[in-house]
Amino acid sequence: LGPKAITKIMWHRKTEGGPVLGLGFVRFATKELALRAATEFKRGLQVGKRQVVIELNTPVRERGKACSEDPAGEVVVGKAHRDKDLGPDAEKKAKEETKTNKKAKEEMAAPETSSKEKKKKRKEVEPQAGAGEDGSPEKKKRKREETTATEPPTNKAEVILRNCDRIITDEHVREHFADLGPKAITRIMWHRRTRDGPVLGLGFVRFATQELALRAVTEFKDGLQVGQRRVVIELATPDRERRKSCSEDPACEVFVGNAHWDMTDEDIYTHFADLGPDAVKRIRWSTLPNGTFRGFGFVEFKDRATAERAVQDSESAPLVKNGRKCNLEIRQ
């Protein structure tokens, strides 16, 4: 066909420089040369044990029509099959290779589509989940805000039990709140690592009504002590209200480090008794998942001024337990 008949040769490979996956394309200078290649040189090209099939490349839109109706300037070199003497599975393998080559041929002939365009088309075709007449994002947001505004605050009938000892049980809690009535408590939940493991210092008590929960944190706030720990009882606060509490301000909390493992809440309350009966709002000790004390904790005070005063007073009168002096500083 001449030295300048072929202008480009392309092979179908999985990676650049990898083996040919049974398919290739040869581009000729003119359509006439491509027609001659697909007719005069259709047979006779054999590489290894495969006889190469040569046919005219047909555009995707015209595929299905006769090749001669729309001749192109490319020739497909592929659809190679194994000889029958290669074994009993030769025919089956040849069919599988033919399917693979056909798919690869269509992919190479089809125009490339970027991932952004695919996502855009998918969004245009697929309807939004739960979207109807009110499916627009603005209407969804407005509806969510209206629902949130009309919902009653959650967790108002729940009470949090903090600083619980590992041996605390449901009986301790029910006995403490017995004066509220036999049906006042509807559920008790403990924070554990495993279902039957020890309590990891935290629990929740759900009451039948919000009034009973309020009475529990006012009339029965003190007096529940299990083991060497005094349980802190407070009303459960919803997340959106908890963000406004003092715990969001680090300056309200004091870090207590180098604490002895026998340190209890009573030691903290006794040491800061001069600051007032309501100076200490909450005590949090850091423990490992198995309940082992890690030697430090945080004391939350009612305001920033009280926390700063607590640190200043501890410089002259340090917090000591069993000969170990604790380090106190404002939480950063």
C-alpha atoms as a PDB file:
ATOM      1  CA  LEU A   1       0.000   0.000   0.000  1.00  0.00           C
ATOM      2  CA  GLY A   2       3.047   2.296   0.160  1.00  0.00           C
ATOM      3  CA  PRO A   3       5.439   3.569   2.842  1.00  0.00           C
ATOM      4  CA  LYS A   4       3.169   6.507   3.751  1.00  0.00           C
ATOM      5  CA  ALA A   5      -0.119   4.614   3.705  1.00  0.00           C
ATOM      6  CA  ILE A   6      -0.232   4.140   7.508  1.00  0.00           C
ATOM      7  CA  THR A   7      -0.330   7.371   9.541  1.00  0.00           C
ATOM      8  CA  LYS A   8      -0.970   5.990  13.049  1.00  0.00           C
ATOM      9  CA  ILE A   9      -1.201   2.673  14.927  1.00  0.00           C
ATOM     10  CA  MET A  10      -2.981   2.435  18.302  1.00  0.00           C
ATOM     11  CA  TRP A  11      -3.140  -0.590  20.646  1.00  0.00           C
ATOM     12  CA  HIS A  12      -5.599  -1.318  23.433  1.00  0.00           C
ATOM     13  CA  ARG A  13      -3.567  -1.812  26.641  1.00  0.00           C
ATOM     14  CA  LYS A  14      -4.434  -1.807  30.313  1.00  0.00           C
ATOM     15  CA  THR A  15      -1.365   0.284  31.168  1.00  0.00           C
ATOM     16  CA  GLU A  16       1.077   2.228  29.072  1.00  0.00           C
ATOM     17  CA  GLY A  17       3.752  -0.157  27.897  1.00  0.00           C
ATOM     18  CA  GLY A  18       1.680  -3.184  28.940  1.00  0.00           C
ATOM     19  CA  PRO A  19       0.695  -6.143  26.745  1.00  0.00           C
ATOM     20  CA  VAL A  20      -1.820  -5.691  23.943  1.00  0.00           C
ATOM     21  CA  LEU A  21      -5.330  -6.784  25.011  1.00  0.00           C
ATOM     22  CA  GLY A  22      -6.378  -8.261  21.676  1.00  0.00           C
ATOM     23  CA  LEU A  23      -7.383  -5.060  19.918  1.00  0.00           C
ATOM     24  CA  GLY A  24      -5.775  -2.365  17.813  1.00  0.00           C
ATOM     25  CA  PHE A  25      -6.505   0.368  15.295  1.00  0.00           C
ATOM     26  CA  VAL A  26      -4.593   1.291  12.140  1.00  0.00           C
ATOM     27  CA  ARG A  27      -5.235   4.721  10.626  1.00  0.00           C
ATOM     28  CA  PHE A  28      -4.552   5.134   6.920  1.00  0.00           C
ATOM     29  CA  ALA A  29      -3.890   8.275   4.917  1.00  0.00           C
ATOM     30  CA  THR A  30      -7.109   7.913   2.874  1.00  0.00           C
ATOM     31  CA  LYS A  31     -10.380   6.020   2.961  1.00  0.00           C
ATOM     32  CA  GLU A  32      -9.474   4.227  -0.240  1.00  0.00           C
ATOM     33  CA  LEU A  33      -6.352   2.767   1.369  1.00  0.00           C
ATOM     34  CA  ALA A  34      -8.408   1.634   4.368  1.00  0.00           C
ATOM     35  CA  LEU A  35     -10.907  -0.084   2.033  1.00  0.00           C
ATOM     36  CA  ARG A  36      -8.080  -1.873   0.214  1.00  0.00           C
ATOM     37  CA  ALA A  37      -6.576  -2.990   3.545  1.00  0.00           C
ATOM     38  CA  ALA A  38      -9.914  -4.452   4.707  1.00  0.00           C
ATOM     39  CA  THR A  39     -10.494  -6.276   1.422  1.00  0.00           C
ATOM     40  CA  GLU A  40      -7.192  -7.199  -0.230  1.00  0.00           C
ATOM     41  CA  PHE A  41      -5.243  -7.780   3.027  1.00  0.00           C
ATOM     42  CA  LYS A  42      -8.069  -9.148   5.162  1.00  0.00           C
ATOM     43  CA  ARG A  43      -6.378 -12.503   5.766  1.00  0.00           C
ATOM     44  CA  GLY A  44      -2.863 -13.736   6.201  1.00  0.00           C
ATOM     45  CA  LEU A  45      -1.763 -11.742   9.299  1.00  0.00           C
ATOM     46  CA  GLN A  46      -0.898 -14.261  12.023  1.00  0.00           C
ATOM     47  CA  VAL A  47       1.154 -13.456  15.123  1.00  0.00           C
ATOM     48  CA  GLY A  48       1.988 -16.288  17.480  1.00  0.00           C
ATOM     49  CA  LYS A  49      -0.905 -18.744  17.501  1.00  0.00           C
ATOM     50  CA  ARG A  50      -3.527 -16.133  16.688  1.00  0.00           C
ATOM     51  CA  GLN A  51      -4.950 -15.264  13.316  1.00  0.00           C
ATOM     52  CA  VAL A  52      -5.686 -11.516  13.302  1.00  0.00           C
ATOM     53  CA  VAL A  53      -9.072 -10.409  11.989  1.00  0.00           C
ATOM     54  CA  ILE A  54      -8.953  -7.194   9.945  1.00  0.00           C
ATOM     55  CA  GLU A  55     -12.103  -5.196   9.270  1.00  0.00           C
ATOM     56  CA  LEU A  56     -13.118  -1.628   8.482  1.00  0.00           C
ATOM     57  CA  ASN A  57     -13.741   0.581  11.517  1.00  0.00           C
ATOM     58  CA  THR A  58     -17.356   1.726  11.546  1.00  0.00           C
ATOM     59  CA  PRO A  59     -18.498   4.846  13.460  1.00  0.00           C
ATOM     60  CA  VAL A  60     -20.763   4.121  16.435  1.00  0.00           C
ATOM     61  CA  ARG A  61     -23.784   5.892  14.919  1.00  0.00           C
ATOM     62  CA  GLU A  62     -23.482   3.831  11.728  1.00  0.00           C
ATOM     63  CA  ARG A  63     -22.615   0.561  13.400  1.00  0.00           C
ATOM     64  CA  GLY A  64     -25.084  -2.056  12.295  1.00  0.00           C
ATOM     65  CA  LYS A  65     -25.070  -0.892   8.650  1.00  0.00           C
ATOM     66  CA  ALA A  66     -22.938  -2.462   5.994  1.00  0.00           C
ATOM     67  CA  CYS A  67     -19.299  -1.456   6.088  1.00  0.00           C
ATOM     68  CA  SER A  68     -19.324  -0.413   2.455  1.00  0.00           C
ATOM     69  CA  GLU A  69     -22.089   2.171   3.045  1.00  0.00           C
ATOM     70  CA  ASP A  70     -19.850   4.414   5.129  1.00  0.00           C
ATOM     71  CA  PRO A  71     -16.156   3.629   4.659  1.00  0.00           C
ATOM     72  CA  ALA A  72     -13.812   5.144   7.242  1.00  0.00           C
ATOM     73  CA  GLY A  73     -10.109   5.818   7.300  1.00  0.00           C
ATOM     74  CA  GLU A  74      -9.383   3.305  10.056  1.00  0.00           C
ATOM     75  CA  VAL A  75      -9.058  -0.442  10.158  1.00  0.00           C
ATOM     76  CA  VAL A  76      -9.721  -2.539  13.274  1.00  0.00           C
ATOM     77  CA  VAL A  77      -7.063  -5.109  13.980  1.00  0.00           C
ATOM     78  CA  GLY A  78      -8.597  -7.486  16.502  1.00  0.00           C
ATOM     79  CA  LYS A  79     -11.220 -10.117  17.179  1.00  0.00           C
ATOM     80  CA  ALA A  80      -8.372 -12.576  17.120  1.00  0.00           C
ATOM     81  CA  HIS A  81      -9.256 -16.183  17.812  1.00  0.00           C
ATOM     82  CA  ARG A  82      -7.260 -19.249  18.795  1.00  0.00           C
ATOM     83  CA  ASP A  83      -6.884 -22.232  16.522  1.00  0.00           C
ATOM     84  CA  LYS A  84      -9.114 -25.226  17.233  1.00  0.00           C
ATOM     85  CA  ASP A  85      -6.143 -27.429  18.021  1.00  0.00           C
ATOM     86  CA  LEU A  86      -5.332 -25.423  21.182  1.00  0.00           C
ATOM     87  CA  GLY A  87      -7.701 -27.444  23.366  1.00  0.00           C
ATOM     88  CA  PRO A  88     -11.370 -28.088  24.193  1.00  0.00           C
ATOM     89  CA  ASP A  89     -11.882 -24.579  25.682  1.00  0.00           C
ATOM     90  CA  ALA A  90     -10.537 -22.726  22.658  1.00  0.00           C
ATOM     91  CA  GLU A  91     -13.971 -21.833  21.289  1.00  0.00           C
ATOM     92  CA  LYS A  92     -15.219 -20.609  24.674  1.00  0.00           C
ATOM     93  CA  LYS A  93     -12.120 -18.457  25.207  1.00  0.00           C
ATOM     94  CA  ALA A  94     -12.449 -17.029  21.719  1.00  0.00           C
ATOM     95  CA  LYS A  95     -16.036 -15.906  22.450  1.00  0.00           C
ATOM     96  CA  GLU A  96     -14.976 -14.265  25.717  1.00  0.00           C
ATOM     97  CA  GLU A  97     -12.139 -12.441  23.972  1.00  0.00           C
ATOM     98  CA  THR A  98     -14.531 -11.283  21.255  1.00  0.00           C
ATOM     99  CA  LYS A  99     -16.861  -9.741  23.860  1.00  0.00           C
ATOM    100  CA  THR A 100     -13.917  -8.012  25.581  1.00  0.00           C
ATOM    101  CA  ASN A 101     -12.620  -6.634  22.313  1.00  0.00           C
ATOM    102  CA  LYS A 102     -16.032  -5.358  21.292  1.00  0.00           C
ATOM    103  CA  LYS A 103     -16.458  -3.496  24.588  1.00  0.00           C
ATOM    104  CA  ALA A 104     -12.960  -1.997  24.381  1.00  0.00           C
ATOM    105  CA  LYS A 105     -13.604  -0.947  20.801  1.00  0.00           C
ATOM    106  CA  GLU A 106     -16.794   0.895  21.744  1.00  0.00           C
ATOM    107  CA  GLU A 107     -15.036   2.635  24.665  1.00  0.00           C
ATOM    108  CA  MET A 108     -12.243   3.860  22.435  1.00  0.00           C
ATOM    109  CA  ALA A 109     -14.638   5.039  19.748  1.00  0.00           C
ATOM    110  CA  ALA A 110     -17.036   6.800  22.131  1.00  0.00           C
ATOM    111  CA  PRO A 111     -16.227  10.378  23.234  1.00  0.00           C
ATOM    112  CA  GLU A 112     -14.721  10.738  26.707  1.00  0.00           C
ATOM    113  CA  THR A 113     -16.907  12.094  29.469  1.00  0.00           C
ATOM    114  CA  SER A 114     -15.412  13.698  32.554  1.00  0.00           C
ATOM    115  CA  SER A 115     -16.494  12.710  36.067  1.00  0.00           C
ATOM    116  CA  LYS A 116     -18.021  16.171  36.617  1.00  0.00           C
ATOM    117  CA  GLU A 117     -20.183  15.831  33.514  1.00  0.00           C
ATOM    118  CA  LYS A 118     -21.307  12.346  34.638  1.00  0.00           C
ATOM    119  CA  LYS A 119     -22.332  13.683  38.049  1.00  0.00           C
ATOM    120  CA  LYS A 120     -24.160  16.581  36.417  1.00  0.00           C
ATOM    121  CA  LYS A 121     -26.095  14.242  34.133  1.00  0.00           C
ATOM    122  CA  ARG A 122     -26.905  11.932  37.035  1.00  0.00           C
ATOM    123  CA  LYS A 123     -28.306  14.838  39.055  1.00  0.00           C
ATOM    124  CA  GLU A 124     -30.409  15.963  36.108  1.00  0.00           C
ATOM    125  CA  VAL A 125     -31.837  12.475  35.558  1.00  0.00           C
ATOM    126  CA  GLU A 126     -32.222  11.224  39.128  1.00  0.00           C
ATOM    127  CA  PRO A 127     -34.865  12.970  41.246  1.00  0.00           C
ATOM    128  CA  GLN A 128     -33.810  14.247  44.625  1.00  0.00           C
ATOM    129  CA  ALA A 129     -34.585  11.909  47.503  1.00  0.00           C
ATOM    130  CA  GLY A 130     -37.850  12.957  49.101  1.00  0.00           C
ATOM    131  CA  ALA A 131     -38.230  15.821  46.654  1.00  0.00           C
ATOM    132  CA  GLY A 132     -41.716  16.545  45.386  1.00  0.00           C
ATOM    133  CA  GLU A 133     -43.351  19.877  44.929  1.00  0.00           C
ATOM    134  CA  ASP A 134     -41.461  21.109  47.970  1.00  0.00           C
ATOM    135  CA  GLY A 135     -38.166  19.485  46.965  1.00  0.00           C
ATOM    136  CA  SER A 136     -36.091  22.654  46.640  1.00  0.00           C
ATOM    137  CA  PRO A 137     -33.267  23.119  49.176  1.00  0.00           C
ATOM    138  CA  GLU A 138     -34.723  26.444  50.371  1.00  0.00           C
ATOM    139  CA  LYS A 139     -38.114  24.927  51.137  1.00  0.00           C
ATOM    140  CA  LYS A 140     -36.494  21.930  52.825  1.00  0.00           C
ATOM    141  CA  LYS A 141     -34.398  24.228  55.032  1.00  0.00           C
ATOM    142  CA  ARG A 142     -37.428  26.354  55.917  1.00  0.00           C
ATOM    143  CA  LYS A 143     -39.455  23.265  56.766  1.00  0.00           C
ATOM    144  CA  ARG A 144     -36.632  21.917  58.976  1.00  0.00           C
ATOM    145  CA  GLU A 145     -36.353  25.230  60.819  1.00  0.00           C
ATOM    146  CA  GLU A 146     -40.114  25.321  61.414  1.00  0.00           C
ATOM    147  CA  THR A 147     -40.057  21.744  62.734  1.00  0.00           C
ATOM    148  CA  THR A 148     -37.123  22.532  65.044  1.00  0.00           C
ATOM    149  CA  ALA A 149     -38.849  25.643  66.371  1.00  0.00           C
ATOM    150  CA  THR A 150     -42.080  23.801  67.183  1.00  0.00           C
ATOM    151  CA  GLU A 151     -40.399  20.750  68.756  1.00  0.00           C
ATOM    152  CA  PRO A 152     -40.276  20.702  72.559  1.00  0.00           C
ATOM    153  CA  PRO A 153     -36.767  20.629  74.039  1.00  0.00           C
ATOM    154  CA  THR A 154     -35.530  17.059  74.344  1.00  0.00           C
ATOM    155  CA  ASN A 155     -34.015  15.348  77.413  1.00  0.00           C
ATOM    156  CA  LYS A 156     -35.982  17.570  79.817  1.00  0.00           C
ATOM    157  CA  ALA A 157     -37.235  14.463  81.625  1.00  0.00           C
ATOM    158  CA  GLU A 158     -33.733  12.997  81.964  1.00  0.00           C
ATOM    159  CA  VAL A 159     -31.155  13.451  84.685  1.00  0.00           C
ATOM    160  CA  ILE A 160     -27.417  12.900  84.324  1.00  0.00           C
ATOM    161  CA  LEU A 161     -25.476  11.076  87.035  1.00  0.00           C
ATOM    162  CA  ARG A 162     -21.803  12.020  86.914  1.00  0.00           C
ATOM    163  CA  ASN A 163     -18.793  10.801  88.885  1.00  0.00           C
ATOM    164  CA  CYS A 164     -20.415   7.431  89.511  1.00  0.00           C
ATOM    165  CA  ASP A 165     -18.476   4.652  91.188  1.00  0.00           C
ATOM    166  CA  ARG A 166     -17.907   1.437  89.268  1.00  0.00           C
ATOM    167  CA  ILE A 167     -20.085  -0.534  91.704  1.00  0.00           C
ATOM    168  CA  ILE A 168     -23.190   1.672  91.390  1.00  0.00           C
ATOM    169  CA  THR A 169     -26.415  -0.176  90.477  1.00  0.00           C
ATOM    170  CA  ASP A 170     -30.032   0.569  89.604  1.00  0.00           C
ATOM    171  CA  GLU A 171     -31.032  -0.212  93.210  1.00  0.00           C
ATOM    172  CA  HIS A 172     -28.873   2.641  94.536  1.00  0.00           C
ATOM    173  CA  VAL A 173     -30.629   5.092  92.218  1.00  0.00           C
ATOM    174  CA  ARG A 174     -34.179   3.843  92.859  1.00  0.00           C
ATOM    175  CA  GLU A 175     -33.617   3.914  96.605  1.00  0.00           C
ATOM    176  CA  HIS A 176     -32.325   7.491  96.440  1.00  0.00           C
ATOM    177  CA  PHE A 177     -35.362   8.716  94.490  1.00  0.00           C
ATOM    178  CA  ALA A 178     -37.890   6.498  96.292  1.00  0.00           C
ATOM    179  CA  ASP A 179     -39.819   9.497  97.690  1.00  0.00           C
ATOM    180  CA  LEU A 180     -40.766  10.559  94.143  1.00  0.00           C
ATOM    181  CA  GLY A 181     -42.982   7.491  93.798  1.00  0.00           C
ATOM    182  CA  PRO A 182     -42.629   3.881  92.589  1.00  0.00           C
ATOM    183  CA  LYS A 183     -43.366   4.808  88.955  1.00  0.00           C
ATOM    184  CA  ALA A 184     -41.319   8.018  88.814  1.00  0.00           C
ATOM    185  CA  ILE A 185     -38.321   6.386  87.103  1.00  0.00           C
ATOM    186  CA  THR A 186     -39.024   4.843  83.708  1.00  0.00           C
ATOM    187  CA  ARG A 187     -35.499   3.948  82.644  1.00  0.00           C
ATOM    188  CA  ILE A 188     -31.911   3.866  83.943  1.00  0.00           C
ATOM    189  CA  MET A 189     -28.944   3.755  81.544  1.00  0.00           C
ATOM    190  CA  TRP A 190     -25.254   3.330  82.404  1.00  0.00           C
ATOM    191  CA  HIS A 191     -22.192   4.114  80.361  1.00  0.00           C
ATOM    192  CA  ARG A 192     -20.224   0.861  80.053  1.00  0.00           C
ATOM    193  CA  ARG A 193     -17.592  -0.452  77.699  1.00  0.00           C
ATOM    194  CA  THR A 194     -19.328  -3.838  77.517  1.00  0.00           C
ATOM    195  CA  ARG A 195     -22.873  -4.853  78.350  1.00  0.00           C
ATOM    196  CA  ASP A 196     -22.023  -6.382  81.735  1.00  0.00           C
ATOM    197  CA  GLY A 197     -18.882  -4.346  82.394  1.00  0.00           C
ATOM    198  CA  PRO A 198     -18.344  -1.808  85.192  1.00  0.00           C
ATOM    199  CA  VAL A 199     -19.926   1.636  85.046  1.00  0.00           C
ATOM    200  CA  LEU A 200     -17.531   4.185  83.570  1.00  0.00           C
ATOM    201  CA  GLY A 201     -18.569   7.112  85.762  1.00  0.00           C
ATOM    202  CA  LEU A 202     -21.705   8.175  83.891  1.00  0.00           C
ATOM    203  CA  GLY A 203     -25.404   7.332  83.908  1.00  0.00           C
ATOM    204  CA  PHE A 204     -28.812   8.641  82.836  1.00  0.00           C
ATOM    205  CA  VAL A 205     -32.131   8.441  84.663  1.00  0.00           C
ATOM    206  CA  ARG A 206     -35.331   9.020  82.721  1.00  0.00           C
ATOM    207  CA  PHE A 207     -38.380  10.149  84.687  1.00  0.00           C
ATOM    208  CA  ALA A 208     -42.048   9.925  83.793  1.00  0.00           C
ATOM    209  CA  THR A 209     -42.494  13.709  83.617  1.00  0.00           C
ATOM    210  CA  GLN A 210     -40.376  16.843  83.448  1.00  0.00           C
ATOM    211  CA  GLU A 211     -41.690  17.931  86.844  1.00  0.00           C
ATOM    212  CA  LEU A 212     -40.272  14.776  88.462  1.00  0.00           C
ATOM    213  CA  ALA A 213     -36.907  15.356  86.775  1.00  0.00           C
ATOM    214  CA  LEU A 214     -36.827  18.946  88.082  1.00  0.00           C
ATOM    215  CA  ARG A 215     -37.638  17.748  91.599  1.00  0.00           C
ATOM    216  CA  ALA A 216     -34.860  15.158  91.347  1.00  0.00           C
ATOM    217  CA  VAL A 217     -32.173  17.773  90.613  1.00  0.00           C
ATOM    218  CA  THR A 218     -33.425  20.200  93.279  1.00  0.00           C
ATOM    219  CA  GLU A 219     -34.756  18.180  96.229  1.00  0.00           C
ATOM    220  CA  PHE A 220     -32.515  15.133  95.775  1.00  0.00           C
ATOM    221  CA  LYS A 221     -29.377  16.753  94.418  1.00  0.00           C
ATOM    222  CA  ASP A 222     -27.199  15.759  97.373  1.00  0.00           C
ATOM    223  CA  GLY A 223     -26.932  12.608  99.406  1.00  0.00           C
ATOM    224  CA  LEU A 224     -26.259   9.938  96.762  1.00  0.00           C
ATOM    225  CA  GLN A 225     -22.849   8.470  97.515  1.00  0.00           C
ATOM    226  CA  VAL A 226     -21.708   5.044  96.392  1.00  0.00           C
ATOM    227  CA  GLY A 227     -18.305   3.775  97.423  1.00  0.00           C
ATOM    228  CA  GLN A 228     -15.941   6.714  97.811  1.00  0.00           C
ATOM    229  CA  ARG A 229     -17.605   8.888  95.199  1.00  0.00           C
ATOM    230  CA  ARG A 230     -20.270  11.493  95.631  1.00  0.00           C
ATOM    231  CA  VAL A 231     -22.588  11.333  92.621  1.00  0.00           C
ATOM    232  CA  VAL A 232     -23.286  14.640  90.898  1.00  0.00           C
ATOM    233  CA  ILE A 233     -26.937  14.932  89.814  1.00  0.00           C
ATOM    234  CA  GLU A 234     -27.945  17.488  87.211  1.00  0.00           C
ATOM    235  CA  LEU A 235     -30.606  17.986  84.579  1.00  0.00           C
ATOM    236  CA  ALA A 236     -29.778  16.726  81.089  1.00  0.00           C
ATOM    237  CA  THR A 237     -29.320  19.664  78.735  1.00  0.00           C
ATOM    238  CA  PRO A 238     -30.088  19.463  74.985  1.00  0.00           C
ATOM    239  CA  ASP A 239     -27.073  19.879  72.715  1.00  0.00           C
ATOM    240  CA  ARG A 240     -28.163  23.266  71.372  1.00  0.00           C
ATOM    241  CA  GLU A 241     -28.483  24.608  74.931  1.00  0.00           C
ATOM    242  CA  ARG A 242     -25.319  22.908  76.173  1.00  0.00           C
ATOM    243  CA  ARG A 243     -23.269  25.011  73.755  1.00  0.00           C
ATOM    244  CA  LYS A 244     -24.263  28.088  75.726  1.00  0.00           C
ATOM    245  CA  SER A 245     -23.245  26.631  79.110  1.00  0.00           C
ATOM    246  CA  CYS A 246     -20.147  27.564  81.005  1.00  0.00           C
ATOM    247  CA  SER A 247     -18.316  24.387  79.972  1.00  0.00           C
ATOM    248  CA  GLU A 248     -17.871  25.883  76.505  1.00  0.00           C
ATOM    249  CA  ASP A 249     -15.677  28.561  78.119  1.00  0.00           C
ATOM    250  CA  PRO A 250     -12.345  26.899  79.021  1.00  0.00           C
ATOM    251  CA  ALA A 251     -11.632  29.605  81.593  1.00  0.00           C
ATOM    252  CA  CYS A 252     -14.441  28.225  83.797  1.00  0.00           C
ATOM    253  CA  GLU A 253     -12.637  24.910  84.221  1.00  0.00           C
ATOM    254  CA  VAL A 254      -9.541  24.138  86.263  1.00  0.00           C
ATOM    255  CA  PHE A 255      -7.214  21.309  85.350  1.00  0.00           C
ATOM    256  CA  VAL A 256      -6.241  19.147  88.335  1.00  0.00           C
ATOM    257  CA  GLY A 257      -3.104  17.140  87.597  1.00  0.00           C
ATOM    258  CA  ASN A 258      -0.811  14.812  89.527  1.00  0.00           C
ATOM    259  CA  ALA A 259      -3.782  13.663  91.611  1.00  0.00           C
ATOM    260  CA  HIS A 260      -3.485  10.665  93.931  1.00  0.00           C
ATOM    261  CA  TRP A 261      -5.525   7.627  92.885  1.00  0.00           C
ATOM    262  CA  ASP A 262      -7.472   7.889  96.160  1.00  0.00           C
ATOM    263  CA  MET A 263      -8.654  11.404  95.295  1.00  0.00           C
ATOM    264  CA  THR A 264     -12.456  11.758  95.548  1.00  0.00           C
ATOM    265  CA  ASP A 265     -15.050  14.419  94.879  1.00  0.00           C
ATOM    266  CA  GLU A 266     -15.322  15.067  98.605  1.00  0.00           C
ATOM    267  CA  ASP A 267     -11.688  16.194  98.654  1.00  0.00           C
ATOM    268  CA  ILE A 268     -12.468  18.733  95.921  1.00  0.00           C
ATOM    269  CA  TYR A 269     -15.626  20.035  97.592  1.00  0.00           C
ATOM    270  CA  THR A 270     -13.836  20.329 100.951  1.00  0.00           C
ATOM    271  CA  HIS A 271     -10.820  22.115  99.503  1.00  0.00           C
ATOM    272  CA  PHE A 272     -12.934  24.723  97.693  1.00  0.00           C
ATOM    273  CA  ALA A 273     -15.571  25.102 100.417  1.00  0.00           C
ATOM    274  CA  ASP A 274     -14.429  28.685 101.166  1.00  0.00           C
ATOM    275  CA  LEU A 275     -15.484  29.757  97.646  1.00  0.00           C
ATOM    276  CA  GLY A 276     -19.146  29.113  98.432  1.00  0.00           C
ATOM    277  CA  PRO A 277     -21.562  26.178  98.478  1.00  0.00           C
ATOM    278  CA  ASP A 278     -22.310  26.457  94.738  1.00  0.00           C
ATOM    279  CA  ALA A 279     -18.790  27.314  93.558  1.00  0.00           C
ATOM    280  CA  VAL A 280     -18.054  23.866  92.130  1.00  0.00           C
ATOM    281  CA  LYS A 281     -20.482  23.053  89.362  1.00  0.00           C
ATOM    282  CA  ARG A 282     -19.091  19.762  88.077  1.00  0.00           C
ATOM    283  CA  ILE A 283     -16.131  17.402  88.555  1.00  0.00           C
ATOM    284  CA  ARG A 284     -14.826  15.156  85.785  1.00  0.00           C
ATOM    285  CA  TRP A 285     -12.116  12.573  86.428  1.00  0.00           C
ATOM    286  CA  SER A 286     -10.273  10.999  83.522  1.00  0.00           C
ATOM    287  CA  THR A 287     -10.343   7.193  83.521  1.00  0.00           C
ATOM    288  CA  LEU A 288      -9.278   4.443  81.176  1.00  0.00           C
ATOM    289  CA  PRO A 289     -11.942   2.247  79.513  1.00  0.00           C
ATOM    290  CA  ASN A 290     -11.461  -0.317  82.283  1.00  0.00           C
ATOM    291  CA  GLY A 291     -12.181   2.315  84.946  1.00  0.00           C
ATOM    292  CA  THR A 292      -8.573   2.928  86.082  1.00  0.00           C
ATOM    293  CA  PHE A 293      -7.960   6.494  87.255  1.00  0.00           C
ATOM    294  CA  ARG A 294      -5.474   8.361  85.043  1.00  0.00           C
ATOM    295  CA  GLY A 295      -4.357  10.844  87.699  1.00  0.00           C
ATOM    296  CA  PHE A 296      -6.014  14.018  86.448  1.00  0.00           C
ATOM    297  CA  GLY A 297      -9.396  15.629  86.012  1.00  0.00           C
ATOM    298  CA  PHE A 298     -11.294  18.883  85.502  1.00  0.00           C
ATOM    299  CA  VAL A 299     -13.270  20.974  87.985  1.00  0.00           C
ATOM    300  CA  GLU A 300     -15.878  23.260  86.494  1.00  0.00           C
ATOM    301  CA  PHE A 301     -16.743  26.394  88.478  1.00  0.00           C
ATOM    302  CA  LYS A 302     -19.817  28.583  88.229  1.00  0.00           C
ATOM    303  CA  ASP A 303     -17.940  31.435  86.525  1.00  0.00           C
ATOM    304  CA  ARG A 304     -14.523  32.521  85.351  1.00  0.00           C
ATOM    305  CA  ALA A 305     -13.746  34.700  88.387  1.00  0.00           C
ATOM    306  CA  THR A 306     -14.342  31.795  90.770  1.00  0.00           C
ATOM    307  CA  ALA A 307     -12.067  29.525  88.729  1.00  0.00           C
ATOM    308  CA  GLU A 308      -9.244  32.100  88.748  1.00  0.00           C
ATOM    309  CA  ARG A 309      -9.629  32.599  92.496  1.00  0.00           C
ATOM    310  CA  ALA A 310      -9.484  28.833  93.071  1.00  0.00           C
ATOM    311  CA  VAL A 311      -6.126  28.628  91.281  1.00  0.00           C
ATOM    312  CA  GLN A 312      -4.725  31.647  93.184  1.00  0.00           C
ATOM    313  CA  ASP A 313      -5.800  30.309  96.590  1.00  0.00           C
ATOM    314  CA  SER A 314      -4.247  26.912  95.813  1.00  0.00           C
ATOM    315  CA  GLU A 315      -0.825  28.524  95.488  1.00  0.00           C
ATOM    316  CA  SER A 316      -0.799  29.369  99.197  1.00  0.00           C
ATOM    317  CA  ALA A 317      -2.963  26.408 100.305  1.00  0.00           C
ATOM    318  CA  PRO A 318      -2.257  23.601  97.817  1.00  0.00           C
ATOM    319  CA  LEU A 319      -4.543  20.640  97.214  1.00  0.00           C
ATOM    320  CA  VAL A 320      -2.775  17.633  98.756  1.00  0.00           C
ATOM    321  CA  LYS A 321      -3.884  13.993  99.015  1.00  0.00           C
ATOM    322  CA  ASN A 322      -1.747  11.354 100.781  1.00  0.00           C
ATOM    323  CA  GLY A 323       1.349  13.530 100.475  1.00  0.00           C
ATOM    324  CA  ARG A 324       0.910  14.220  96.746  1.00  0.00           C
ATOM    325  CA  LYS A 325       0.508  17.856  95.743  1.00  0.00           C
ATOM    326  CA  CYS A 326      -1.847  18.499  92.845  1.00  0.00           C
ATOM    327  CA  ASN A 327      -1.137  20.908  90.014  1.00  0.00           C
ATOM    328  CA  LEU A 328      -3.946  23.384  89.345  1.00  0.00           C
ATOM    329  CA  GLU A 329      -4.211  25.640  86.330  1.00  0.00           C
ATOM    330  CA  ILE A 330      -6.894  27.237  84.180  1.00  0.00           C
ATOM    331  CA  ARG A 331      -7.858  24.985  81.288  1.00  0.00           C
ATOM    332  CA  GLN A 332      -6.350  26.238  78.032  1.00  0.00           C
END
